[in-house]
């Protein structure tokens, strides 16, 4: 289980973030997913990817990150780490319309 690695894609600040994490769990905060043990540096130290370096500095000192469910695009369990990156939103990804949470005690016919 120690070798488990997840590629997580989510929307943040109008861009698509793709990061790698060792742990992805349901959050204690309702409507969030927790990302822990983010992994950077799949590339050689001789080649520097500016996007990955930006992510690395953005998440420096972060123990865990809480991502809202409605911002998630996908979570993949992968065998090998790729390069973490930030890409611009080209209009081909639409956020899920929200809110999608349902309170079973509310709605028509309930008082």
Protein backbone atom coordinates (compact mmCIF):
# COMPACT_ATOMS: atom_id res chain seq x y z
CA UNK A 1 0.00 0.00 0.00
CA UNK A 2 3.00 2.31 0.53
CA UNK A 3 3.58 2.39 -3.23
CA UNK A 4 0.02 3.50 -4.00
CA UNK A 5 0.04 6.68 -6.06
CA UNK A 6 -2.87 8.79 -7.26
CA UNK A 7 -3.03 11.36 -10.06
CA UNK A 8 -5.63 13.96 -9.08
CA UNK A 9 -7.00 16.56 -11.49
CA UNK A 10 -9.06 19.45 -10.17
CA UNK A 11 -10.08 22.99 -11.03
CA UNK A 12 -8.55 25.86 -9.07
CA UNK A 13 -8.38 29.56 -9.87
CA UNK A 14 -9.57 29.00 -13.45
CA UNK A 15 -6.89 26.42 -14.22
CA UNK A 16 -6.57 22.63 -14.16
CA UNK A 17 -4.21 21.36 -11.50
CA UNK A 18 -2.79 17.85 -11.90
CA UNK A 19 -0.91 16.59 -8.85
CA UNK A 20 0.32 13.26 -7.52
CA UNK A 21 -0.49 12.15 -3.98
CA UNK A 22 0.19 9.05 -1.89
CA UNK A 23 -3.08 9.40 0.05
CA UNK A 24 -6.51 10.51 -1.14
CA UNK A 25 -9.34 10.18 1.36
CA UNK A 26 -12.84 11.38 2.06
CA UNK A 27 -12.46 14.52 4.13
CA UNK A 28 -13.85 15.21 7.59
CA UNK A 29 -15.12 18.47 6.07
CA UNK A 30 -18.39 17.75 4.27
CA UNK A 31 -18.01 17.99 0.48
CA UNK A 32 -14.21 17.83 0.38
CA UNK A 33 -11.51 15.27 -0.47
CA UNK A 34 -8.16 15.27 1.37
CA UNK A 35 -4.88 15.02 -0.55
CA UNK A 36 -1.84 14.06 1.52
CA UNK A 37 1.81 13.36 0.80
CA UNK A 38 2.01 15.24 -2.49
CA UNK A 39 4.83 13.97 -4.69
CA UNK A 40 6.95 16.15 -6.96
CA UNK A 41 10.15 15.63 -8.93
CA UNK A 42 9.52 12.83 -11.43
CA UNK A 43 11.87 14.59 -13.85
CA UNK A 44 15.63 14.79 -13.78
CA UNK A 45 17.19 17.55 -11.70
CA UNK A 46 18.83 18.80 -14.90
CA UNK A 47 15.48 19.55 -16.54
CA UNK A 48 13.24 21.97 -14.69
CA UNK A 49 9.54 22.17 -15.55
CA UNK A 50 8.30 25.67 -14.61
CA UNK A 51 4.72 24.43 -14.06
CA UNK A 52 5.85 21.73 -11.64
CA UNK A 53 8.16 24.16 -9.86
CA UNK A 54 5.23 26.56 -9.42
CA UNK A 55 3.13 23.76 -7.92
CA UNK A 56 6.00 22.66 -5.71
CA UNK A 57 6.38 26.17 -4.29
CA UNK A 58 2.60 26.67 -4.00
CA UNK A 59 2.24 23.49 -1.92
CA UNK A 60 5.50 23.92 0.05
CA UNK A 61 4.82 23.42 3.74
CA UNK A 62 1.30 22.03 3.12
CA UNK A 63 0.61 18.86 5.13
CA UNK A 64 -2.74 18.17 3.52
CA UNK A 65 -4.91 19.90 0.99
CA UNK A 66 -8.71 19.90 1.05
CA UNK A 67 -10.24 19.95 -2.45
CA UNK A 68 -13.99 20.57 -2.90
CA UNK A 69 -15.81 17.66 -4.54
CA UNK A 70 -17.30 19.94 -7.20
CA UNK A 71 -13.76 20.97 -8.28
CA UNK A 72 -12.55 17.40 -8.89
CA UNK A 73 -12.22 16.28 -12.49
CA UNK A 74 -10.84 12.80 -11.86
CA UNK A 75 -8.75 10.66 -9.54
CA UNK A 76 -6.63 7.88 -11.07
CA UNK A 77 -4.57 5.26 -9.27
CA UNK A 78 -1.37 5.07 -11.33
CA UNK A 79 1.67 2.82 -11.44
CA UNK A 80 4.18 5.56 -12.28
CA UNK A 81 4.48 9.19 -11.42
CA UNK A 82 4.32 11.77 -14.16
CA UNK A 83 4.96 15.48 -14.06
CA UNK A 84 2.66 17.58 -11.88
CA UNK A 85 1.35 20.53 -13.85
CA UNK A 86 -1.01 23.43 -14.16
CA UNK A 87 -2.78 23.89 -17.49
CA UNK A 88 -5.19 26.50 -18.69
CA UNK A 89 -8.86 25.68 -18.93
CA UNK A 90 -9.55 25.39 -22.67
CA UNK A 91 -13.30 25.27 -22.32
CA UNK A 92 -13.44 21.49 -22.71
CA UNK A 93 -13.95 20.94 -18.97
CA UNK A 94 -17.12 22.22 -17.34
CA UNK A 95 -17.52 22.25 -13.57
CA UNK A 96 -20.29 20.01 -12.29
CA UNK A 97 -23.39 22.11 -11.67
CA UNK A 98 -23.97 22.46 -7.98
CA UNK A 99 -25.06 22.19 -5.38
CA UNK A 100 -25.44 18.45 -5.73
CA UNK A 101 -25.74 17.60 -2.06
CA UNK A 102 -29.12 16.38 -0.92
CA UNK A 103 -30.52 16.70 2.56
CA UNK A 104 -32.88 13.72 2.95
CA UNK A 105 -34.92 15.66 5.54
CA UNK A 106 -35.90 18.41 3.08
CA UNK A 107 -37.78 18.63 -0.15
CA UNK A 108 -41.37 18.38 -1.34
CA UNK A 109 -43.77 16.78 1.09
CA UNK A 110 -41.43 17.23 4.09
CA UNK A 111 -42.12 19.60 6.94
